[in-house]
Amino acid sequence: MPSSCLREQKRSAKWGLVLSSVESFIQNPSSALDAQENRHSLHIADWVSGSWFISENSPCLRVNLPIAFGFGYDESSDSYKVVTVIRDSSGTVTAQVYSFGGSSWKTINSFPAFPFSVENNGHFIGGTLNWLGLRNPHRDDYDWATVTLDMLMIVSFDLKSDTHKQILLPKGIHEIPREEPILGVWGNSLYLLHDYKNTHLIAWQMKEFGDENSWTQFLKISFQHLGVERLLSVFIFENGNIFMLRGRHHFEEVFYDRRDNSVKRINILANNSYLDALEYVESLVQPR
């Protein structure tokens, strides 16, 4: 698994990546910023047979923030790949692709959109990485109130061919949500969640990945019934039947079961810390 160093020029940031499988555990145990060199380094290790194996460093990638990441497995080449999406000061968006064991980063020009703040990690499904982004953003501190529906798009990057395409939004979305939507992969399905006039949560599921006509709205429920004030952290499990959302208090998680329309609230932490859920992926292949 590659390790990348990023020369950061605009601001410091800490980020991490945790991915796991039955046979291997790939983790970012630390993320350190060297103040003297202004260097941001990612360290990723592989847990195999009770011991840590740390890969050789990939070629150093020097970029300006903002930057987004994605990680996935390319079955055709039997290799892991890391994709970075970069927007420069002129607003031009490009991607850099690194294949595990390679000697250089591959540049993909004319990337059509840049992932916005809550969608900086690519979602892996069907050999592709997927981001929800804004078309041609000129700055990273954009005002969501100025975003129009034609600026919002889903970009799907094929790890086999190193090409990208647009996935159309569900046809039932006719106006821009009040808050930033959430894209996610849960249970081997692509989901899009957004608010409706700041009063309801709407959830869409792509029944057949890649088929834009298979978008299906399977949930519309009021925030009042859920006991949440806005759409923040969301996790879906039990075949799309149970939703975990952030409650009115950020240490409270709300569990909604759409099978019986029930809501349960659980205080998970009491120290004002955020808690996010990540999906356990069993399909990763141990690198050779």
C-alpha atoms as a PDB file:
ATOM      1  CA  MET A   1       0.000   0.000   0.000  1.00  0.00           C
ATOM      2  CA  PRO A   2       1.524   3.339  -0.970  1.00  0.00           C
ATOM      3  CA  SER A   3       2.613   6.019   1.426  1.00  0.00           C
ATOM      4  CA  SER A   4       2.417   9.589   0.149  1.00  0.00           C
ATOM      5  CA  CYS A   5       3.927  12.848   1.311  1.00  0.00           C
ATOM      6  CA  LEU A   6       2.088  16.033   0.503  1.00  0.00           C
ATOM      7  CA  ARG A   7       3.619  19.470   0.589  1.00  0.00           C
ATOM      8  CA  GLU A   8       0.905  21.610   2.012  1.00  0.00           C
ATOM      9  CA  GLN A   9       0.841  25.309   1.197  1.00  0.00           C
ATOM     10  CA  LYS A  10      -2.559  26.621   2.192  1.00  0.00           C
ATOM     11  CA  ARG A  11      -3.451  25.039   5.514  1.00  0.00           C
ATOM     12  CA  SER A  12      -2.632  22.101   7.738  1.00  0.00           C
ATOM     13  CA  ALA A  13      -5.018  19.188   8.021  1.00  0.00           C
ATOM     14  CA  LYS A  14      -5.034  15.754   9.577  1.00  0.00           C
ATOM     15  CA  TRP A  15      -6.675  12.923   7.725  1.00  0.00           C
ATOM     16  CA  GLY A  16      -6.771   9.169   7.962  1.00  0.00           C
ATOM     17  CA  LEU A  17      -7.787   6.079   6.070  1.00  0.00           C
ATOM     18  CA  VAL A  18      -8.874   2.799   7.594  1.00  0.00           C
ATOM     19  CA  LEU A  19      -9.732  -0.195   5.418  1.00  0.00           C
ATOM     20  CA  SER A  20      -9.965  -3.785   6.514  1.00  0.00           C
ATOM     21  CA  SER A  21     -10.540  -7.316   5.295  1.00  0.00           C
ATOM     22  CA  VAL A  22     -10.544 -10.839   6.683  1.00  0.00           C
ATOM     23  CA  GLU A  23      -6.955 -11.501   5.628  1.00  0.00           C
ATOM     24  CA  SER A  24      -5.415  -8.078   5.865  1.00  0.00           C
ATOM     25  CA  PHE A  25      -5.828  -4.882   7.780  1.00  0.00           C
ATOM     26  CA  ILE A  26      -4.666  -1.722   6.070  1.00  0.00           C
ATOM     27  CA  GLN A  27      -4.469   1.267   8.321  1.00  0.00           C
ATOM     28  CA  ASN A  28      -3.203   4.802   8.682  1.00  0.00           C
ATOM     29  CA  PRO A  29      -1.930   4.704  12.279  1.00  0.00           C
ATOM     30  CA  SER A  30      -0.505   8.210  12.212  1.00  0.00           C
ATOM     31  CA  SER A  31      -0.586  11.391  10.217  1.00  0.00           C
ATOM     32  CA  ALA A  32       2.117  13.889  11.100  1.00  0.00           C
ATOM     33  CA  LEU A  33       2.899  17.369   9.846  1.00  0.00           C
ATOM     34  CA  ASP A  34       6.547  18.429   9.733  1.00  0.00           C
ATOM     35  CA  ALA A  35       6.427  22.112  10.639  1.00  0.00           C
ATOM     36  CA  GLN A  36       9.876  22.883   9.265  1.00  0.00           C
ATOM     37  CA  GLU A  37       9.304  21.362   5.837  1.00  0.00           C
ATOM     38  CA  ASN A  38       5.513  21.885   5.838  1.00  0.00           C
ATOM     39  CA  ARG A  39       5.152  18.259   4.773  1.00  0.00           C
ATOM     40  CA  HIS A  40       2.112  16.090   5.333  1.00  0.00           C
ATOM     41  CA  SER A  41       2.874  12.368   5.323  1.00  0.00           C
ATOM     42  CA  LEU A  42       0.552   9.381   5.196  1.00  0.00           C
ATOM     43  CA  HIS A  43       1.790   6.091   6.626  1.00  0.00           C
ATOM     44  CA  ILE A  44      -0.120   2.936   5.760  1.00  0.00           C
ATOM     45  CA  ALA A  45       0.725  -0.542   6.981  1.00  0.00           C
ATOM     46  CA  ASP A  46      -0.537  -4.054   6.294  1.00  0.00           C
ATOM     47  CA  TRP A  47      -1.445  -6.409   9.142  1.00  0.00           C
ATOM     48  CA  VAL A  48      -0.604  -9.949   8.037  1.00  0.00           C
ATOM     49  CA  SER A  49      -0.311 -13.039  10.256  1.00  0.00           C
ATOM     50  CA  GLY A  50       0.030 -11.097  13.483  1.00  0.00           C
ATOM     51  CA  SER A  51       2.716  -8.660  12.352  1.00  0.00           C
ATOM     52  CA  TRP A  52       2.886  -5.282  10.675  1.00  0.00           C
ATOM     53  CA  PHE A  53       4.294  -4.924   7.181  1.00  0.00           C
ATOM     54  CA  ILE A  54       5.006  -1.359   6.067  1.00  0.00           C
ATOM     55  CA  SER A  55       5.308  -0.789   2.348  1.00  0.00           C
ATOM     56  CA  GLU A  56       7.947   1.219   0.553  1.00  0.00           C
ATOM     57  CA  ASN A  57       7.057   4.838  -0.051  1.00  0.00           C
ATOM     58  CA  SER A  58       5.354   5.802  -3.248  1.00  0.00           C
ATOM     59  CA  PRO A  59       6.827   8.695  -5.252  1.00  0.00           C
ATOM     60  CA  CYS A  60       6.264  11.957  -3.402  1.00  0.00           C
ATOM     61  CA  LEU A  61       3.248  13.946  -4.565  1.00  0.00           C
ATOM     62  CA  ARG A  62       3.508  17.705  -4.036  1.00  0.00           C
ATOM     63  CA  VAL A  63       0.183  19.471  -4.251  1.00  0.00           C
ATOM     64  CA  ASN A  64      -1.764  22.486  -3.067  1.00  0.00           C
ATOM     65  CA  LEU A  65      -4.830  21.857  -0.966  1.00  0.00           C
ATOM     66  CA  PRO A  66      -7.743  21.330  -1.371  1.00  0.00           C
ATOM     67  CA  ILE A  67      -7.344  17.664  -2.208  1.00  0.00           C
ATOM     68  CA  ALA A  68      -9.591  14.585  -2.061  1.00  0.00           C
ATOM     69  CA  PHE A  69      -8.649  10.910  -1.875  1.00  0.00           C
ATOM     70  CA  GLY A  70      -9.943   7.525  -2.953  1.00  0.00           C
ATOM     71  CA  PHE A  71      -8.672   3.972  -2.450  1.00  0.00           C
ATOM     72  CA  GLY A  72      -9.696   0.766  -4.182  1.00  0.00           C
ATOM     73  CA  TYR A  73      -8.677  -2.512  -5.786  1.00  0.00           C
ATOM     74  CA  ASP A  74      -8.222  -2.996  -9.530  1.00  0.00           C
ATOM     75  CA  GLU A  75      -8.988  -6.649 -10.214  1.00  0.00           C
ATOM     76  CA  SER A  76      -7.687  -6.492 -13.792  1.00  0.00           C
ATOM     77  CA  SER A  77      -4.151  -5.615 -12.667  1.00  0.00           C
ATOM     78  CA  ASP A  78      -4.351  -7.273  -9.221  1.00  0.00           C
ATOM     79  CA  SER A  79      -3.293  -3.992  -7.652  1.00  0.00           C
ATOM     80  CA  TYR A  80      -4.485  -1.446  -5.144  1.00  0.00           C
ATOM     81  CA  LYS A  81      -4.810   2.100  -6.412  1.00  0.00           C
ATOM     82  CA  VAL A  82      -4.890   5.481  -4.728  1.00  0.00           C
ATOM     83  CA  VAL A  83      -6.566   8.369  -6.539  1.00  0.00           C
ATOM     84  CA  THR A  84      -6.129  11.990  -5.501  1.00  0.00           C
ATOM     85  CA  VAL A  85      -8.352  14.734  -6.892  1.00  0.00           C
ATOM     86  CA  ILE A  86      -6.676  18.135  -6.902  1.00  0.00           C
ATOM     87  CA  ARG A  87      -8.020  21.616  -7.605  1.00  0.00           C
ATOM     88  CA  ASP A  88      -5.446  24.316  -8.300  1.00  0.00           C
ATOM     89  CA  SER A  89      -5.714  28.055  -7.692  1.00  0.00           C
ATOM     90  CA  SER A  90      -7.218  28.627 -11.151  1.00  0.00           C
ATOM     91  CA  GLY A  91     -10.054  26.177 -10.473  1.00  0.00           C
ATOM     92  CA  THR A  92      -8.695  23.446 -12.759  1.00  0.00           C
ATOM     93  CA  VAL A  93      -9.384  19.956 -11.394  1.00  0.00           C
ATOM     94  CA  THR A  94      -7.068  17.026 -12.158  1.00  0.00           C
ATOM     95  CA  ALA A  95      -6.557  13.552 -10.719  1.00  0.00           C
ATOM     96  CA  GLN A  96      -3.368  11.693  -9.839  1.00  0.00           C
ATOM     97  CA  VAL A  97      -3.414   7.876  -9.824  1.00  0.00           C
ATOM     98  CA  TYR A  98      -0.871   5.640  -8.117  1.00  0.00           C
ATOM     99  CA  SER A  99      -0.858   1.870  -8.572  1.00  0.00           C
ATOM    100  CA  PHE A 100       0.705  -0.157  -5.754  1.00  0.00           C
ATOM    101  CA  GLY A 101       4.245  -1.137  -6.704  1.00  0.00           C
ATOM    102  CA  GLY A 102       4.510   1.483  -9.434  1.00  0.00           C
ATOM    103  CA  SER A 103       7.196   4.111  -9.847  1.00  0.00           C
ATOM    104  CA  SER A 104       5.153   7.224 -10.622  1.00  0.00           C
ATOM    105  CA  TRP A 105       1.813   8.974 -10.368  1.00  0.00           C
ATOM    106  CA  LYS A 106      -0.335   9.129 -13.505  1.00  0.00           C
ATOM    107  CA  THR A 107      -2.019  12.449 -14.268  1.00  0.00           C
ATOM    108  CA  ILE A 108      -5.644  12.498 -15.413  1.00  0.00           C
ATOM    109  CA  ASN A 109      -6.498  15.898 -16.875  1.00  0.00           C
ATOM    110  CA  SER A 110      -9.879  17.609 -17.074  1.00  0.00           C
ATOM    111  CA  PHE A 111     -11.513  15.947 -14.071  1.00  0.00           C
ATOM    112  CA  PRO A 112     -15.105  17.239 -14.291  1.00  0.00           C
ATOM    113  CA  ALA A 113     -15.848  18.100 -10.652  1.00  0.00           C
ATOM    114  CA  PHE A 114     -14.226  18.594  -7.273  1.00  0.00           C
ATOM    115  CA  PRO A 115     -15.617  16.777  -4.201  1.00  0.00           C
ATOM    116  CA  PHE A 116     -16.946  19.205  -1.617  1.00  0.00           C
ATOM    117  CA  SER A 117     -16.089  19.202   2.075  1.00  0.00           C
ATOM    118  CA  VAL A 118     -18.164  16.292   3.398  1.00  0.00           C
ATOM    119  CA  GLU A 119     -17.441  14.142   0.335  1.00  0.00           C
ATOM    120  CA  ASN A 120     -13.648  14.171   0.154  1.00  0.00           C
ATOM    121  CA  ASN A 121     -13.230  10.379   0.303  1.00  0.00           C
ATOM    122  CA  GLY A 122     -14.102   8.318  -2.766  1.00  0.00           C
ATOM    123  CA  HIS A 123     -16.673   5.529  -2.352  1.00  0.00           C
ATOM    124  CA  PHE A 124     -15.565   2.179  -3.800  1.00  0.00           C
ATOM    125  CA  ILE A 125     -18.069  -0.026  -5.613  1.00  0.00           C
ATOM    126  CA  GLY A 126     -17.921  -2.190  -8.715  1.00  0.00           C
ATOM    127  CA  GLY A 127     -14.269  -1.428  -9.426  1.00  0.00           C
ATOM    128  CA  THR A 128     -14.900   2.320  -9.351  1.00  0.00           C
ATOM    129  CA  LEU A 129     -14.403   5.253  -6.991  1.00  0.00           C
ATOM    130  CA  ASN A 130     -17.288   7.687  -6.720  1.00  0.00           C
ATOM    131  CA  TRP A 131     -17.492  11.254  -5.461  1.00  0.00           C
ATOM    132  CA  LEU A 132     -20.273  13.795  -5.138  1.00  0.00           C
ATOM    133  CA  GLY A 133     -18.825  17.084  -6.269  1.00  0.00           C
ATOM    134  CA  LEU A 134     -19.284  20.521  -7.743  1.00  0.00           C
ATOM    135  CA  ARG A 135     -18.675  21.284 -11.367  1.00  0.00           C
ATOM    136  CA  ASN A 136     -15.926  23.893 -11.888  1.00  0.00           C
ATOM    137  CA  PRO A 137     -15.634  25.288  -8.340  1.00  0.00           C
ATOM    138  CA  HIS A 138     -13.389  28.346  -8.189  1.00  0.00           C
ATOM    139  CA  ARG A 139     -12.692  28.303  -4.468  1.00  0.00           C
ATOM    140  CA  ASP A 140     -12.918  25.872  -1.570  1.00  0.00           C
ATOM    141  CA  ASP A 141     -14.794  28.213   0.786  1.00  0.00           C
ATOM    142  CA  TYR A 142     -17.870  28.303  -1.448  1.00  0.00           C
ATOM    143  CA  ASP A 143     -21.297  29.326  -0.161  1.00  0.00           C
ATOM    144  CA  TRP A 144     -23.719  26.411  -0.515  1.00  0.00           C
ATOM    145  CA  ALA A 145     -26.569  28.909  -0.880  1.00  0.00           C
ATOM    146  CA  THR A 146     -25.109  29.933  -4.249  1.00  0.00           C
ATOM    147  CA  VAL A 147     -24.831  26.368  -5.598  1.00  0.00           C
ATOM    148  CA  THR A 148     -27.285  25.437  -8.354  1.00  0.00           C
ATOM    149  CA  LEU A 149     -28.529  21.976  -9.275  1.00  0.00           C
ATOM    150  CA  ASP A 150     -26.601  21.913 -12.560  1.00  0.00           C
ATOM    151  CA  MET A 151     -23.337  22.334 -10.605  1.00  0.00           C
ATOM    152  CA  LEU A 152     -23.940  19.180  -8.551  1.00  0.00           C
ATOM    153  CA  MET A 153     -22.757  15.894 -10.064  1.00  0.00           C
ATOM    154  CA  ILE A 154     -21.561  12.377  -9.247  1.00  0.00           C
ATOM    155  CA  VAL A 155     -18.215  11.432 -10.786  1.00  0.00           C
ATOM    156  CA  SER A 156     -17.328   7.744 -11.157  1.00  0.00           C
ATOM    157  CA  PHE A 157     -13.672   6.812 -11.747  1.00  0.00           C
ATOM    158  CA  ASP A 158     -12.969   3.379 -13.282  1.00  0.00           C
ATOM    159  CA  LEU A 159      -9.836   1.883 -11.713  1.00  0.00           C
ATOM    160  CA  LYS A 160      -9.356  -0.557 -14.604  1.00  0.00           C
ATOM    161  CA  SER A 161      -9.243   2.013 -17.403  1.00  0.00           C
ATOM    162  CA  ASP A 162      -8.304   5.116 -15.362  1.00  0.00           C
ATOM    163  CA  THR A 163     -11.215   6.955 -16.958  1.00  0.00           C
ATOM    164  CA  HIS A 164     -14.102   8.863 -15.453  1.00  0.00           C
ATOM    165  CA  LYS A 165     -17.735   9.471 -16.294  1.00  0.00           C
ATOM    166  CA  GLN A 166     -20.707  11.275 -14.839  1.00  0.00           C
ATOM    167  CA  ILE A 167     -23.530   9.443 -13.092  1.00  0.00           C
ATOM    168  CA  LEU A 168     -26.771  11.395 -13.391  1.00  0.00           C
ATOM    169  CA  LEU A 169     -28.613  12.376 -10.233  1.00  0.00           C
ATOM    170  CA  PRO A 170     -32.002  10.783  -9.570  1.00  0.00           C
ATOM    171  CA  LYS A 171     -34.663  12.249 -11.854  1.00  0.00           C
ATOM    172  CA  GLY A 172     -36.825  13.043  -8.837  1.00  0.00           C
ATOM    173  CA  ILE A 173     -34.447  15.748  -7.583  1.00  0.00           C
ATOM    174  CA  HIS A 174     -35.776  19.032  -8.971  1.00  0.00           C
ATOM    175  CA  GLU A 175     -34.161  21.595  -6.664  1.00  0.00           C
ATOM    176  CA  ILE A 176     -30.924  21.984  -4.776  1.00  0.00           C
ATOM    177  CA  PRO A 177     -31.154  20.701  -1.177  1.00  0.00           C
ATOM    178  CA  ARG A 178     -30.782  23.228   1.637  1.00  0.00           C
ATOM    179  CA  GLU A 179     -27.805  21.281   3.041  1.00  0.00           C
ATOM    180  CA  GLU A 180     -24.976  19.405   1.330  1.00  0.00           C
ATOM    181  CA  PRO A 181     -26.164  15.924   0.235  1.00  0.00           C
ATOM    182  CA  ILE A 182     -24.373  12.742   1.280  1.00  0.00           C
ATOM    183  CA  LEU A 183     -23.170  10.016  -1.086  1.00  0.00           C
ATOM    184  CA  GLY A 184     -22.289   6.608   0.309  1.00  0.00           C
ATOM    185  CA  VAL A 185     -21.864   2.909  -0.373  1.00  0.00           C
ATOM    186  CA  TRP A 186     -23.555   0.587   2.090  1.00  0.00           C
ATOM    187  CA  GLY A 187     -24.287  -3.092   1.550  1.00  0.00           C
ATOM    188  CA  ASN A 188     -22.893  -3.015  -1.995  1.00  0.00           C
ATOM    189  CA  SER A 189     -25.320  -0.304  -3.105  1.00  0.00           C
ATOM    190  CA  LEU A 190     -24.806   3.351  -3.933  1.00  0.00           C
ATOM    191  CA  TYR A 191     -26.971   5.730  -1.909  1.00  0.00           C
ATOM    192  CA  LEU A 192     -27.690   9.446  -2.151  1.00  0.00           C
ATOM    193  CA  LEU A 193     -29.230  11.209   0.839  1.00  0.00           C
ATOM    194  CA  HIS A 194     -30.413  14.793   1.075  1.00  0.00           C
ATOM    195  CA  ASP A 195     -32.783  17.023   2.977  1.00  0.00           C
ATOM    196  CA  TYR A 196     -36.054  18.358   1.620  1.00  0.00           C
ATOM    197  CA  LYS A 197     -36.649  21.972   2.642  1.00  0.00           C
ATOM    198  CA  ASN A 198     -34.796  21.291   5.903  1.00  0.00           C
ATOM    199  CA  THR A 199     -37.779  19.309   7.184  1.00  0.00           C
ATOM    200  CA  HIS A 200     -37.376  15.792   5.748  1.00  0.00           C
ATOM    201  CA  LEU A 201     -34.708  13.223   4.953  1.00  0.00           C
ATOM    202  CA  ILE A 202     -34.915  11.670   1.484  1.00  0.00           C
ATOM    203  CA  ALA A 203     -32.878   8.573   0.601  1.00  0.00           C
ATOM    204  CA  TRP A 204     -32.233   7.209  -2.895  1.00  0.00           C
ATOM    205  CA  GLN A 205     -30.735   3.823  -3.733  1.00  0.00           C
ATOM    206  CA  MET A 206     -29.195   2.829  -7.072  1.00  0.00           C
ATOM    207  CA  LYS A 207     -30.557  -0.706  -7.412  1.00  0.00           C
ATOM    208  CA  GLU A 208     -28.144  -1.649 -10.213  1.00  0.00           C
ATOM    209  CA  PHE A 209     -24.856   0.203 -10.011  1.00  0.00           C
ATOM    210  CA  GLY A 210     -24.169   2.081 -13.231  1.00  0.00           C
ATOM    211  CA  ASP A 211     -27.822   2.065 -14.345  1.00  0.00           C
ATOM    212  CA  GLU A 212     -29.049   5.619 -13.830  1.00  0.00           C
ATOM    213  CA  ASN A 213     -32.645   4.512 -14.395  1.00  0.00           C
ATOM    214  CA  SER A 214     -32.418   2.274 -11.318  1.00  0.00           C
ATOM    215  CA  TRP A 215     -32.350   5.185  -8.841  1.00  0.00           C
ATOM    216  CA  THR A 216     -35.213   4.486  -6.418  1.00  0.00           C
ATOM    217  CA  GLN A 217     -36.496   6.749  -3.657  1.00  0.00           C
ATOM    218  CA  PHE A 218     -37.168   4.386  -0.786  1.00  0.00           C
ATOM    219  CA  LEU A 219     -37.390   6.751   2.169  1.00  0.00           C
ATOM    220  CA  LYS A 220     -38.865  10.146   2.992  1.00  0.00           C
ATOM    221  CA  ILE A 221     -39.215  10.896   6.684  1.00  0.00           C
ATOM    222  CA  SER A 222     -39.430  14.046   8.776  1.00  0.00           C
ATOM    223  CA  PHE A 223     -36.531  15.254  10.889  1.00  0.00           C
ATOM    224  CA  GLN A 224     -39.052  15.838  13.675  1.00  0.00           C
ATOM    225  CA  HIS A 225     -39.953  12.141  13.780  1.00  0.00           C
ATOM    226  CA  LEU A 226     -36.275  11.178  13.768  1.00  0.00           C
ATOM    227  CA  GLY A 227     -35.363  13.699  16.447  1.00  0.00           C
ATOM    228  CA  VAL A 228     -32.592  15.278  14.388  1.00  0.00           C
ATOM    229  CA  GLU A 229     -32.168  18.891  13.361  1.00  0.00           C
ATOM    230  CA  ARG A 230     -30.191  18.445  10.164  1.00  0.00           C
ATOM    231  CA  LEU A 231     -28.556  15.837   7.957  1.00  0.00           C
ATOM    232  CA  LEU A 232     -25.088  15.151   9.331  1.00  0.00           C
ATOM    233  CA  SER A 233     -23.348  11.815   9.743  1.00  0.00           C
ATOM    234  CA  VAL A 234     -25.331   8.897   8.299  1.00  0.00           C
ATOM    235  CA  PHE A 235     -24.692   5.158   8.190  1.00  0.00           C
ATOM    236  CA  ILE A 236     -27.018   2.558   6.638  1.00  0.00           C
ATOM    237  CA  PHE A 237     -27.047  -1.162   7.396  1.00  0.00           C
ATOM    238  CA  GLU A 238     -29.330  -4.223   7.565  1.00  0.00           C
ATOM    239  CA  ASN A 239     -29.970  -4.123   3.789  1.00  0.00           C
ATOM    240  CA  GLY A 240     -30.992  -0.488   3.867  1.00  0.00           C
ATOM    241  CA  ASN A 241     -33.493  -0.930   6.670  1.00  0.00           C
ATOM    242  CA  ILE A 242     -31.674   0.765   9.556  1.00  0.00           C
ATOM    243  CA  PHE A 243     -30.290   4.291   9.483  1.00  0.00           C
ATOM    244  CA  MET A 244     -27.856   5.659  12.059  1.00  0.00           C
ATOM    245  CA  LEU A 245     -27.870   9.452  12.232  1.00  0.00           C
ATOM    246  CA  ARG A 246     -26.369  12.155  14.416  1.00  0.00           C
ATOM    247  CA  GLY A 247     -28.853  13.369  17.007  1.00  0.00           C
ATOM    248  CA  ARG A 248     -29.568  16.866  18.285  1.00  0.00           C
ATOM    249  CA  HIS A 249     -26.657  16.378  20.673  1.00  0.00           C
ATOM    250  CA  HIS A 250     -23.519  15.341  18.825  1.00  0.00           C
ATOM    251  CA  PHE A 251     -22.778  12.537  21.312  1.00  0.00           C
ATOM    252  CA  GLU A 252     -26.229  11.049  20.660  1.00  0.00           C
ATOM    253  CA  GLU A 253     -26.867   8.590  17.829  1.00  0.00           C
ATOM    254  CA  VAL A 254     -30.335   8.021  16.407  1.00  0.00           C
ATOM    255  CA  PHE A 255     -31.267   4.610  14.994  1.00  0.00           C
ATOM    256  CA  TYR A 256     -34.260   4.511  12.667  1.00  0.00           C
ATOM    257  CA  ASP A 257     -35.757   1.195  11.516  1.00  0.00           C
ATOM    258  CA  ARG A 258     -37.912   1.779   8.463  1.00  0.00           C
ATOM    259  CA  ARG A 259     -39.485  -1.686   8.758  1.00  0.00           C
ATOM    260  CA  ASP A 260     -41.559  -0.622  11.762  1.00  0.00           C
ATOM    261  CA  ASN A 261     -40.939   3.161  11.671  1.00  0.00           C
ATOM    262  CA  SER A 262     -39.296   3.000  15.107  1.00  0.00           C
ATOM    263  CA  VAL A 263     -36.692   5.399  16.486  1.00  0.00           C
ATOM    264  CA  LYS A 264     -34.150   4.665  19.215  1.00  0.00           C
ATOM    265  CA  ARG A 265     -31.716   7.171  20.696  1.00  0.00           C
ATOM    266  CA  ILE A 266     -28.473   6.086  22.318  1.00  0.00           C
ATOM    267  CA  ASN A 267     -25.948   8.239  24.143  1.00  0.00           C
ATOM    268  CA  ILE A 268     -22.759   6.617  22.923  1.00  0.00           C
ATOM    269  CA  LEU A 269     -20.243   9.107  24.279  1.00  0.00           C
ATOM    270  CA  ALA A 270     -20.451  11.764  26.946  1.00  0.00           C
ATOM    271  CA  ASN A 271     -17.186  13.596  26.330  1.00  0.00           C
ATOM    272  CA  ASN A 272     -18.301  15.816  23.438  1.00  0.00           C
ATOM    273  CA  SER A 273     -16.540  13.609  20.893  1.00  0.00           C
ATOM    274  CA  TYR A 274     -17.858  12.761  17.453  1.00  0.00           C
ATOM    275  CA  LEU A 275     -18.386   9.136  16.506  1.00  0.00           C
ATOM    276  CA  ASP A 276     -18.506   7.984  12.893  1.00  0.00           C
ATOM    277  CA  ALA A 277     -19.210   4.494  11.565  1.00  0.00           C
ATOM    278  CA  LEU A 278     -17.216   2.882   8.761  1.00  0.00           C
ATOM    279  CA  GLU A 279     -18.257  -0.164   6.766  1.00  0.00           C
ATOM    280  CA  TYR A 280     -16.227  -3.348   7.159  1.00  0.00           C
ATOM    281  CA  VAL A 281     -15.168  -4.535   3.695  1.00  0.00           C
ATOM    282  CA  GLU A 282     -14.375  -8.226   3.236  1.00  0.00           C
ATOM    283  CA  SER A 283     -13.548  -8.117  -0.470  1.00  0.00           C
ATOM    284  CA  LEU A 284     -10.080  -6.552  -0.324  1.00  0.00           C
ATOM    285  CA  VAL A 285      -7.286  -8.760  -1.621  1.00  0.00           C
ATOM    286  CA  GLN A 286      -4.002  -9.134   0.213  1.00  0.00           C
ATOM    287  CA  PRO A 287      -1.303  -7.554  -1.993  1.00  0.00           C
ATOM    288  CA  ARG A 288       1.407  -9.827  -3.306  1.00  0.00           C
END
